[in-house]
């Protein structure tokens, strides 16, 4: 069973690290990491990967810098071709809520 895990900003890396570790430890589960690439500082993003033991992403959506609405639109649009082509069994998206 393949599970695609979409992760974006640093807070999401903290959430996905233990999930990826547990998925890799389970027989019959193949986790794939899809990184949105929306970090303003690429080195900071990869530092989180290294510090938290997150494997290198299988796919990068390379969303990059932009206004909040532009980034949101790109994060919603760019996974579609990857998901259609790869056809994983499940999709897990970690994120944050807006507001207080």
PDB file of N, CA and C in Angstrom:
ATOM      1  N   UNK A   1       0.850  -1.163   0.000  1.00  0.00           N
ATOM      2  CA  UNK A   1       0.000   0.000   0.000  1.00  0.00           C
ATOM      3  C   UNK A   1       0.903   1.236   0.000  1.00  0.00           C
ATOM      4  N   UNK A   2       0.689   2.113  -0.967  1.00  0.00           N
ATOM      5  CA  UNK A   2       1.470   3.340  -1.052  1.00  0.00           C
ATOM      6  C   UNK A   2       0.663   4.512  -0.499  1.00  0.00           C
ATOM      7  N   UNK A   3       1.317   5.294   0.354  1.00  0.00           N
ATOM      8  CA  UNK A   3       0.691   6.466   0.939  1.00  0.00           C
ATOM      9  C   UNK A   3       1.500   7.694   0.541  1.00  0.00           C
ATOM     10  N   UNK A   4       0.860   8.616  -0.151  1.00  0.00           N
ATOM     11  CA  UNK A   4       1.487   9.888  -0.487  1.00  0.00           C
ATOM     12  C   UNK A   4       1.264  10.843   0.680  1.00  0.00           C
ATOM     13  N   UNK A   5       2.329  11.488   1.111  1.00  0.00           N
ATOM     14  CA  UNK A   5       2.294  12.430   2.223  1.00  0.00           C
ATOM     15  C   UNK A   5       2.706  13.789   1.701  1.00  0.00           C
ATOM     16  N   UNK A   6       1.797  14.750   1.746  1.00  0.00           N
ATOM     17  CA  UNK A   6       2.114  16.090   1.264  1.00  0.00           C
ATOM     18  C   UNK A   6       2.489  16.960   2.452  1.00  0.00           C
ATOM     19  N   UNK A   7       3.647  17.606   2.338  1.00  0.00           N
ATOM     20  CA  UNK A   7       4.168  18.454   3.407  1.00  0.00           C
ATOM     21  C   UNK A   7       4.636  19.769   2.791  1.00  0.00           C
ATOM     22  N   UNK A   8       4.435  20.842   3.558  1.00  0.00           N
ATOM     23  CA  UNK A   8       4.805  22.158   3.049  1.00  0.00           C
ATOM     24  C   UNK A   8       5.813  22.854   3.927  1.00  0.00           C
ATOM     25  N   UNK A   9       5.338  23.686   4.810  1.00  0.00           N
ATOM     26  CA  UNK A   9       6.207  24.534   5.620  1.00  0.00           C
ATOM     27  C   UNK A   9       6.745  23.787   6.844  1.00  0.00           C
ATOM     28  N   UNK A  10       7.644  24.453   7.570  1.00  0.00           N
ATOM     29  CA  UNK A  10       8.372  23.796   8.658  1.00  0.00           C
ATOM     30  C   UNK A  10       7.475  23.148   9.709  1.00  0.00           C
ATOM     31  N   UNK A  11       6.356  23.775  10.047  1.00  0.00           N
ATOM     32  CA  UNK A  11       5.459  23.179  11.041  1.00  0.00           C
ATOM     33  C   UNK A  11       4.951  21.822  10.560  1.00  0.00           C
ATOM     34  N   UNK A  12       4.754  21.685   9.260  1.00  0.00           N
ATOM     35  CA  UNK A  12       4.301  20.411   8.702  1.00  0.00           C
ATOM     36  C   UNK A  12       5.381  19.347   8.782  1.00  0.00           C
ATOM     37  N   UNK A  13       6.643  19.761   8.661  1.00  0.00           N
ATOM     38  CA  UNK A  13       7.751  18.812   8.774  1.00  0.00           C
ATOM     39  C   UNK A  13       7.767  18.183  10.163  1.00  0.00           C
ATOM     40  N   UNK A  14       7.511  18.995  11.169  1.00  0.00           N
ATOM     41  CA  UNK A  14       7.484  18.489  12.547  1.00  0.00           C
ATOM     42  C   UNK A  14       6.376  17.449  12.698  1.00  0.00           C
ATOM     43  N   UNK A  15       5.260  17.657  12.040  1.00  0.00           N
ATOM     44  CA  UNK A  15       4.132  16.727  12.119  1.00  0.00           C
ATOM     45  C   UNK A  15       4.368  15.448  11.322  1.00  0.00           C
ATOM     46  N   UNK A  16       5.024  15.568  10.159  1.00  0.00           N
ATOM     47  CA  UNK A  16       5.152  14.406   9.278  1.00  0.00           C
ATOM     48  C   UNK A  16       6.297  13.476   9.704  1.00  0.00           C
ATOM     49  N   UNK A  17       7.303  14.002  10.406  1.00  0.00           N
ATOM     50  CA  UNK A  17       8.476  13.194  10.770  1.00  0.00           C
ATOM     51  C   UNK A  17       8.108  11.889  11.479  1.00  0.00           C
ATOM     52  N   UNK A  18       7.340  11.912  12.579  1.00  0.00           N
ATOM     53  CA  UNK A  18       7.033  10.640  13.241  1.00  0.00           C
ATOM     54  C   UNK A  18       6.102   9.753  12.401  1.00  0.00           C
ATOM     55  N   UNK A  19       5.266  10.368  11.591  1.00  0.00           N
ATOM     56  CA  UNK A  19       4.375   9.570  10.732  1.00  0.00           C
ATOM     57  C   UNK A  19       5.169   8.817   9.669  1.00  0.00           C
ATOM     58  N   UNK A  20       6.114   9.502   9.030  1.00  0.00           N
ATOM     59  CA  UNK A  20       6.948   8.841   8.019  1.00  0.00           C
ATOM     60  C   UNK A  20       7.769   7.711   8.642  1.00  0.00           C
ATOM     61  N   UNK A  21       8.309   7.970   9.825  1.00  0.00           N
ATOM     62  CA  UNK A  21       9.110   6.945  10.521  1.00  0.00           C
ATOM     63  C   UNK A  21       8.264   5.710  10.801  1.00  0.00           C
ATOM     64  N   UNK A  22       7.054   5.917  11.287  1.00  0.00           N
ATOM     65  CA  UNK A  22       6.163   4.792  11.606  1.00  0.00           C
ATOM     66  C   UNK A  22       5.731   4.056  10.340  1.00  0.00           C
ATOM     67  N   UNK A  23       5.417   4.796   9.283  1.00  0.00           N
ATOM     68  CA  UNK A  23       5.018   4.146   8.022  1.00  0.00           C
ATOM     69  C   UNK A  23       6.136   3.280   7.467  1.00  0.00           C
ATOM     70  N   UNK A  24       7.369   3.794   7.519  1.00  0.00           N
ATOM     71  CA  UNK A  24       8.510   3.026   7.012  1.00  0.00           C
ATOM     72  C   UNK A  24       8.740   1.758   7.816  1.00  0.00           C
ATOM     73  N   UNK A  25       8.370   1.778   9.090  1.00  0.00           N
ATOM     74  CA  UNK A  25       8.570   0.619   9.966  1.00  0.00           C
ATOM     75  C   UNK A  25       7.518  -0.466   9.746  1.00  0.00           C
ATOM     76  N   UNK A  26       6.444  -0.135   9.068  1.00  0.00           N
ATOM     77  CA  UNK A  26       5.342  -1.077   8.858  1.00  0.00           C
ATOM     78  C   UNK A  26       5.501  -1.839   7.557  1.00  0.00           C
ATOM     79  N   UNK A  27       5.480  -3.135   7.645  1.00  0.00           N
ATOM     80  CA  UNK A  27       5.557  -3.961   6.450  1.00  0.00           C
ATOM     81  C   UNK A  27       4.303  -3.749   5.600  1.00  0.00           C
ATOM     82  N   UNK A  28       4.503  -3.617   4.319  1.00  0.00           N
ATOM     83  CA  UNK A  28       3.374  -3.444   3.409  1.00  0.00           C
ATOM     84  C   UNK A  28       2.976  -1.998   3.167  1.00  0.00           C
ATOM     85  N   UNK A  29       3.656  -1.053   3.842  1.00  0.00           N
ATOM     86  CA  UNK A  29       3.369   0.366   3.614  1.00  0.00           C
ATOM     87  C   UNK A  29       4.579   1.008   2.950  1.00  0.00           C
ATOM     88  N   UNK A  30       4.325   1.683   1.854  1.00  0.00           N
ATOM     89  CA  UNK A  30       5.368   2.421   1.155  1.00  0.00           C
ATOM     90  C   UNK A  30       4.999   3.902   1.196  1.00  0.00           C
ATOM     91  N   UNK A  31       5.677   4.665   2.054  1.00  0.00           N
ATOM     92  CA  UNK A  31       5.378   6.090   2.106  1.00  0.00           C
ATOM     93  C   UNK A  31       6.143   6.855   1.036  1.00  0.00           C
ATOM     94  N   UNK A  32       5.481   7.792   0.398  1.00  0.00           N
ATOM     95  CA  UNK A  32       6.127   8.693  -0.560  1.00  0.00           C
ATOM     96  C   UNK A  32       5.898  10.111  -0.064  1.00  0.00           C
ATOM     97  N   UNK A  33       6.922  10.926  -0.155  1.00  0.00           N
ATOM     98  CA  UNK A  33       6.830  12.294   0.336  1.00  0.00           C
ATOM     99  C   UNK A  33       6.746  13.268  -0.835  1.00  0.00           C
ATOM    100  N   UNK A  34       5.735  14.112  -0.785  1.00  0.00           N
ATOM    101  CA  UNK A  34       5.540  15.164  -1.781  1.00  0.00           C
ATOM    102  C   UNK A  34       5.754  16.492  -1.055  1.00  0.00           C
ATOM    103  N   UNK A  35       6.801  17.205  -1.418  1.00  0.00           N
ATOM    104  CA  UNK A  35       7.115  18.477  -0.768  1.00  0.00           C
ATOM    105  C   UNK A  35       6.632  19.624  -1.642  1.00  0.00           C
ATOM    106  N   UNK A  36       5.879  20.550  -1.056  1.00  0.00           N
ATOM    107  CA  UNK A  36       5.319  21.646  -1.837  1.00  0.00           C
ATOM    108  C   UNK A  36       6.372  22.624  -2.321  1.00  0.00           C
ATOM    109  N   UNK A  37       7.473  22.740  -1.585  1.00  0.00           N
ATOM    110  CA  UNK A  37       8.530  23.662  -2.002  1.00  0.00           C
ATOM    111  C   UNK A  37       8.141  25.120  -1.848  1.00  0.00           C
ATOM    112  N   UNK A  38       7.302  25.416  -0.876  1.00  0.00           N
ATOM    113  CA  UNK A  38       6.835  26.782  -0.711  1.00  0.00           C
ATOM    114  C   UNK A  38       7.625  27.577   0.319  1.00  0.00           C
ATOM    115  N   UNK A  39       8.691  27.001   0.859  1.00  0.00           N
ATOM    116  CA  UNK A  39       9.492  27.695   1.857  1.00  0.00           C
ATOM    117  C   UNK A  39      10.223  28.875   1.232  1.00  0.00           C
ATOM    118  N   UNK A  40      10.313  29.954   1.957  1.00  0.00           N
ATOM    119  CA  UNK A  40      11.060  31.113   1.486  1.00  0.00           C
ATOM    120  C   UNK A  40      12.552  30.866   1.563  1.00  0.00           C
ATOM    121  N   UNK A  41      12.983  30.065   2.513  1.00  0.00           N
ATOM    122  CA  UNK A  41      14.393  29.750   2.693  1.00  0.00           C
ATOM    123  C   UNK A  41      14.569  28.245   2.503  1.00  0.00           C
ATOM    124  N   UNK A  42      15.050  27.866   1.339  1.00  0.00           N
ATOM    125  CA  UNK A  42      15.187  26.446   0.999  1.00  0.00           C
ATOM    126  C   UNK A  42      16.106  25.734   1.986  1.00  0.00           C
ATOM    127  N   UNK A  43      17.182  26.386   2.402  1.00  0.00           N
ATOM    128  CA  UNK A  43      18.107  25.756   3.342  1.00  0.00           C
ATOM    129  C   UNK A  43      17.419  25.445   4.668  1.00  0.00           C
ATOM    130  N   UNK A  44      16.521  26.327   5.099  1.00  0.00           N
ATOM    131  CA  UNK A  44      15.799  26.065   6.348  1.00  0.00           C
ATOM    132  C   UNK A  44      14.911  24.841   6.195  1.00  0.00           C
ATOM    133  N   UNK A  45      14.245  24.725   5.064  1.00  0.00           N
ATOM    134  CA  UNK A  45      13.363  23.575   4.836  1.00  0.00           C
ATOM    135  C   UNK A  45      14.160  22.279   4.905  1.00  0.00           C
ATOM    136  N   UNK A  46      15.301  22.237   4.223  1.00  0.00           N
ATOM    137  CA  UNK A  46      16.088  21.003   4.214  1.00  0.00           C
ATOM    138  C   UNK A  46      16.738  20.745   5.556  1.00  0.00           C
ATOM    139  N   UNK A  47      16.999  21.801   6.331  1.00  0.00           N
ATOM    140  CA  UNK A  47      17.544  21.614   7.673  1.00  0.00           C
ATOM    141  C   UNK A  47      16.534  20.876   8.553  1.00  0.00           C
ATOM    142  N   UNK A  48      15.252  21.201   8.403  1.00  0.00           N
ATOM    143  CA  UNK A  48      14.208  20.483   9.142  1.00  0.00           C
ATOM    144  C   UNK A  48      14.197  19.011   8.736  1.00  0.00           C
ATOM    145  N   UNK A  49      14.319  18.731   7.459  1.00  0.00           N
ATOM    146  CA  UNK A  49      14.342  17.348   6.987  1.00  0.00           C
ATOM    147  C   UNK A  49      15.494  16.600   7.654  1.00  0.00           C
ATOM    148  N   UNK A  50      16.666  17.207   7.639  1.00  0.00           N
ATOM    149  CA  UNK A  50      17.837  16.562   8.212  1.00  0.00           C
ATOM    150  C   UNK A  50      17.700  16.378   9.721  1.00  0.00           C
ATOM    151  N   UNK A  51      17.343  17.447  10.427  1.00  0.00           N
ATOM    152  CA  UNK A  51      17.247  17.385  11.886  1.00  0.00           C
ATOM    153  C   UNK A  51      16.187  16.399  12.371  1.00  0.00           C
ATOM    154  N   UNK A  52      15.098  16.265  11.617  1.00  0.00           N
ATOM    155  CA  UNK A  52      13.988  15.408  12.039  1.00  0.00           C
ATOM    156  C   UNK A  52      14.047  14.005  11.421  1.00  0.00           C
ATOM    157  N   UNK A  53      15.067  13.733  10.617  1.00  0.00           N
ATOM    158  CA  UNK A  53      15.211  12.413  10.018  1.00  0.00           C
ATOM    159  C   UNK A  53      14.160  12.105   8.964  1.00  0.00           C
ATOM    160  N   UNK A  54      13.694  13.141   8.277  1.00  0.00           N
ATOM    161  CA  UNK A  54      12.707  12.950   7.214  1.00  0.00           C
ATOM    162  C   UNK A  54      13.459  12.608   5.936  1.00  0.00           C
ATOM    163  N   UNK A  55      13.052  11.559   5.237  1.00  0.00           N
ATOM    164  CA  UNK A  55      13.746  11.210   4.001  1.00  0.00           C
ATOM    165  C   UNK A  55      13.562  12.288   2.934  1.00  0.00           C
ATOM    166  N   UNK A  56      14.475  12.315   1.990  1.00  0.00           N
ATOM    167  CA  UNK A  56      14.358  13.257   0.875  1.00  0.00           C
ATOM    168  C   UNK A  56      13.021  13.036   0.170  1.00  0.00           C
ATOM    169  N   UNK A  57      12.425  14.107  -0.278  1.00  0.00           N
ATOM    170  CA  UNK A  57      11.108  13.985  -0.902  1.00  0.00           C
ATOM    171  C   UNK A  57      11.194  13.235  -2.230  1.00  0.00           C
ATOM    172  N   UNK A  58      10.144  12.476  -2.519  1.00  0.00           N
ATOM    173  CA  UNK A  58      10.042  11.768  -3.786  1.00  0.00           C
ATOM    174  C   UNK A  58       9.646  12.714  -4.913  1.00  0.00           C
ATOM    175  N   UNK A  59       8.886  13.735  -4.551  1.00  0.00           N
ATOM    176  CA  UNK A  59       8.390  14.703  -5.525  1.00  0.00           C
ATOM    177  C   UNK A  59       8.469  16.095  -4.915  1.00  0.00           C
ATOM    178  N   UNK A  60       8.884  17.081  -5.707  1.00  0.00           N
ATOM    179  CA  UNK A  60       8.865  18.467  -5.275  1.00  0.00           C
ATOM    180  C   UNK A  60       7.954  19.241  -6.209  1.00  0.00           C
ATOM    181  N   UNK A  61       7.037  19.980  -5.624  1.00  0.00           N
ATOM    182  CA  UNK A  61       6.088  20.754  -6.419  1.00  0.00           C
ATOM    183  C   UNK A  61       6.638  22.141  -6.760  1.00  0.00           C
ATOM    184  N   UNK A  62       7.738  22.542  -6.129  1.00  0.00           N
ATOM    185  CA  UNK A  62       8.438  23.794  -6.428  1.00  0.00           C
ATOM    186  C   UNK A  62       7.503  24.997  -6.503  1.00  0.00           C
ATOM    187  N   UNK A  63       6.638  25.133  -5.501  1.00  0.00           N
ATOM    188  CA  UNK A  63       5.697  26.257  -5.471  1.00  0.00           C
ATOM    189  C   UNK A  63       6.433  27.587  -5.357  1.00  0.00           C
ATOM    190  N   UNK A  64       7.436  27.665  -4.509  1.00  0.00           N
ATOM    191  CA  UNK A  64       8.243  28.870  -4.402  1.00  0.00           C
ATOM    192  C   UNK A  64       7.564  30.031  -3.704  1.00  0.00           C
ATOM    193  N   UNK A  65       8.154  31.196  -3.887  1.00  0.00           N
ATOM    194  CA  UNK A  65       7.727  32.411  -3.221  1.00  0.00           C
ATOM    195  C   UNK A  65       6.544  33.033  -3.959  1.00  0.00           C
ATOM    196  N   UNK A  66       5.638  33.603  -3.191  1.00  0.00           N
ATOM    197  CA  UNK A  66       4.497  34.305  -3.767  1.00  0.00           C
ATOM    198  C   UNK A  66       3.589  34.794  -2.663  1.00  0.00           C
ATOM    199  N   UNK A  67       2.595  35.547  -3.026  1.00  0.00           N
ATOM    200  CA  UNK A  67       1.629  35.998  -2.034  1.00  0.00           C
ATOM    201  C   UNK A  67       0.885  34.780  -1.487  1.00  0.00           C
ATOM    202  N   UNK A  68       0.234  34.957  -0.360  1.00  0.00           N
ATOM    203  CA  UNK A  68      -0.497  33.839   0.246  1.00  0.00           C
ATOM    204  C   UNK A  68      -1.522  33.236  -0.723  1.00  0.00           C
ATOM    205  N   UNK A  69      -2.341  34.045  -1.405  1.00  0.00           N
ATOM    206  CA  UNK A  69      -3.305  33.459  -2.345  1.00  0.00           C
ATOM    207  C   UNK A  69      -2.637  32.714  -3.501  1.00  0.00           C
ATOM    208  N   UNK A  70      -1.531  33.248  -3.996  1.00  0.00           N
ATOM    209  CA  UNK A  70      -0.828  32.583  -5.104  1.00  0.00           C
ATOM    210  C   UNK A  70      -0.257  31.251  -4.640  1.00  0.00           C
ATOM    211  N   UNK A  71       0.392  31.243  -3.481  1.00  0.00           N
ATOM    212  CA  UNK A  71       0.946  29.989  -2.964  1.00  0.00           C
ATOM    213  C   UNK A  71      -0.160  28.972  -2.709  1.00  0.00           C
ATOM    214  N   UNK A  72      -1.259  29.410  -2.121  1.00  0.00           N
ATOM    215  CA  UNK A  72      -2.367  28.501  -1.835  1.00  0.00           C
ATOM    216  C   UNK A  72      -2.898  27.880  -3.127  1.00  0.00           C
ATOM    217  N   UNK A  73      -3.073  28.694  -4.140  1.00  0.00           N
ATOM    218  CA  UNK A  73      -3.566  28.190  -5.429  1.00  0.00           C
ATOM    219  C   UNK A  73      -2.590  27.180  -6.030  1.00  0.00           C
ATOM    220  N   UNK A  74      -1.302  27.483  -5.971  1.00  0.00           N
ATOM    221  CA  UNK A  74      -0.291  26.575  -6.526  1.00  0.00           C
ATOM    222  C   UNK A  74      -0.238  25.258  -5.755  1.00  0.00           C
ATOM    223  N   UNK A  75      -0.337  25.337  -4.418  1.00  0.00           N
ATOM    224  CA  UNK A  75      -0.309  24.123  -3.599  1.00  0.00           C
ATOM    225  C   UNK A  75      -1.514  23.243  -3.912  1.00  0.00           C
ATOM    226  N   UNK A  76      -2.617  23.849  -4.267  1.00  0.00           N
ATOM    227  CA  UNK A  76      -3.809  23.067  -4.607  1.00  0.00           C
ATOM    228  C   UNK A  76      -3.750  22.519  -6.038  1.00  0.00           C
ATOM    229  N   UNK A  77      -3.093  23.247  -6.928  1.00  0.00           N
ATOM    230  CA  UNK A  77      -3.070  22.849  -8.341  1.00  0.00           C
ATOM    231  C   UNK A  77      -1.947  21.878  -8.689  1.00  0.00           C
ATOM    232  N   UNK A  78      -0.762  22.101  -8.180  1.00  0.00           N
ATOM    233  CA  UNK A  78       0.407  21.330  -8.608  1.00  0.00           C
ATOM    234  C   UNK A  78       0.408  19.841  -8.243  1.00  0.00           C
ATOM    235  N   UNK A  79      -0.238  19.403  -7.168  1.00  0.00           N
ATOM    236  CA  UNK A  79      -0.226  17.967  -6.888  1.00  0.00           C
ATOM    237  C   UNK A  79      -1.017  17.135  -7.896  1.00  0.00           C
ATOM    238  N   UNK A  80      -2.008  17.721  -8.539  1.00  0.00           N
ATOM    239  CA  UNK A  80      -2.908  16.949  -9.395  1.00  0.00           C
ATOM    240  C   UNK A  80      -2.191  16.095 -10.443  1.00  0.00           C
ATOM    241  N   UNK A  81      -1.279  16.649 -11.253  1.00  0.00           N
ATOM    242  CA  UNK A  81      -0.621  15.799 -12.252  1.00  0.00           C
ATOM    243  C   UNK A  81       0.180  14.651 -11.629  1.00  0.00           C
ATOM    244  N   UNK A  82       0.829  14.931 -10.487  1.00  0.00           N
ATOM    245  CA  UNK A  82       1.610  13.893  -9.808  1.00  0.00           C
ATOM    246  C   UNK A  82       0.684  12.794  -9.306  1.00  0.00           C
ATOM    247  N   UNK A  83      -0.410  13.192  -8.665  1.00  0.00           N
ATOM    248  CA  UNK A  83      -1.344  12.210  -8.116  1.00  0.00           C
ATOM    249  C   UNK A  83      -2.029  11.397  -9.213  1.00  0.00           C
ATOM    250  N   UNK A  84      -2.366  12.020 -10.305  1.00  0.00           N
ATOM    251  CA  UNK A  84      -2.988  11.296 -11.416  1.00  0.00           C
ATOM    252  C   UNK A  84      -2.018  10.305 -12.049  1.00  0.00           C
ATOM    253  N   UNK A  85      -0.770  10.719 -12.192  1.00  0.00           N
ATOM    254  CA  UNK A  85       0.238   9.858 -12.819  1.00  0.00           C
ATOM    255  C   UNK A  85       0.631   8.697 -11.913  1.00  0.00           C
ATOM    256  N   UNK A  86       0.807   8.956 -10.621  1.00  0.00           N
ATOM    257  CA  UNK A  86       1.347   7.957  -9.702  1.00  0.00           C
ATOM    258  C   UNK A  86       0.294   7.054  -9.078  1.00  0.00           C
ATOM    259  N   UNK A  87      -0.902   7.546  -8.883  1.00  0.00           N
ATOM    260  CA  UNK A  87      -2.031   6.739  -8.372  1.00  0.00           C
ATOM    261  C   UNK A  87      -1.707   5.999  -7.074  1.00  0.00           C
ATOM    262  N   UNK A  88      -1.399   6.741  -6.020  1.00  0.00           N
ATOM    263  CA  UNK A  88      -1.150   6.101  -4.724  1.00  0.00           C
ATOM    264  C   UNK A  88      -2.468   5.573  -4.159  1.00  0.00           C
ATOM    265  N   UNK A  89      -2.345   4.735  -3.147  1.00  0.00           N
ATOM    266  CA  UNK A  89      -3.530   4.161  -2.519  1.00  0.00           C
ATOM    267  C   UNK A  89      -4.215   5.148  -1.578  1.00  0.00           C
ATOM    268  N   UNK A  90      -3.405   5.965  -0.906  1.00  0.00           N
ATOM    269  CA  UNK A  90      -3.936   6.917   0.065  1.00  0.00           C
ATOM    270  C   UNK A  90      -3.154   8.221  -0.028  1.00  0.00           C
ATOM    271  N   UNK A  91      -3.765   9.278   0.471  1.00  0.00           N
ATOM    272  CA  UNK A  91      -3.145  10.597   0.491  1.00  0.00           C
ATOM    273  C   UNK A  91      -3.308  11.182   1.886  1.00  0.00           C
ATOM    274  N   UNK A  92      -2.201  11.652   2.454  1.00  0.00           N
ATOM    275  CA  UNK A  92      -2.220  12.289   3.761  1.00  0.00           C
ATOM    276  C   UNK A  92      -1.655  13.694   3.597  1.00  0.00           C
ATOM    277  N   UNK A  93      -2.412  14.676   4.031  1.00  0.00           N
ATOM    278  CA  UNK A  93      -1.977  16.060   3.959  1.00  0.00           C
ATOM    279  C   UNK A  93      -1.953  16.614   5.380  1.00  0.00           C
ATOM    280  N   UNK A  94      -0.785  17.035   5.830  1.00  0.00           N
ATOM    281  CA  UNK A  94      -0.705  17.687   7.138  1.00  0.00           C
ATOM    282  C   UNK A  94      -0.700  19.184   6.891  1.00  0.00           C
ATOM    283  N   UNK A  95      -1.340  19.913   7.791  1.00  0.00           N
ATOM    284  CA  UNK A  95      -1.401  21.357   7.598  1.00  0.00           C
ATOM    285  C   UNK A  95      -1.742  22.063   8.877  1.00  0.00           C
ATOM    286  N   UNK A  96      -2.014  23.331   8.731  1.00  0.00           N
ATOM    287  CA  UNK A  96      -2.352  24.184   9.855  1.00  0.00           C
ATOM    288  C   UNK A  96      -3.682  24.846   9.585  1.00  0.00           C
ATOM    289  N   UNK A  97      -4.287  25.319  10.626  1.00  0.00           N
ATOM    290  CA  UNK A  97      -5.526  26.087  10.451  1.00  0.00           C
ATOM    291  C   UNK A  97      -5.182  27.568  10.446  1.00  0.00           C
ATOM    292  N   UNK A  98      -6.065  28.362   9.944  1.00  0.00           N
ATOM    293  CA  UNK A  98      -5.868  29.803   9.930  1.00  0.00           C
ATOM    294  C   UNK A  98      -6.571  30.398  11.149  1.00  0.00           C
ATOM    295  N   UNK A  99      -6.039  31.460  11.653  1.00  0.00           N
ATOM    296  CA  UNK A  99      -6.668  32.147  12.781  1.00  0.00           C
ATOM    297  C   UNK A  99      -6.054  31.739  14.098  1.00  0.00           C
ATOM    298  N   UNK A 100      -6.728  32.109  15.161  1.00  0.00           N
ATOM    299  CA  UNK A 100      -6.200  31.835  16.506  1.00  0.00           C
ATOM    300  C   UNK A 100      -6.516  30.451  16.975  1.00  0.00           C
TER     301      UNK A 100
END
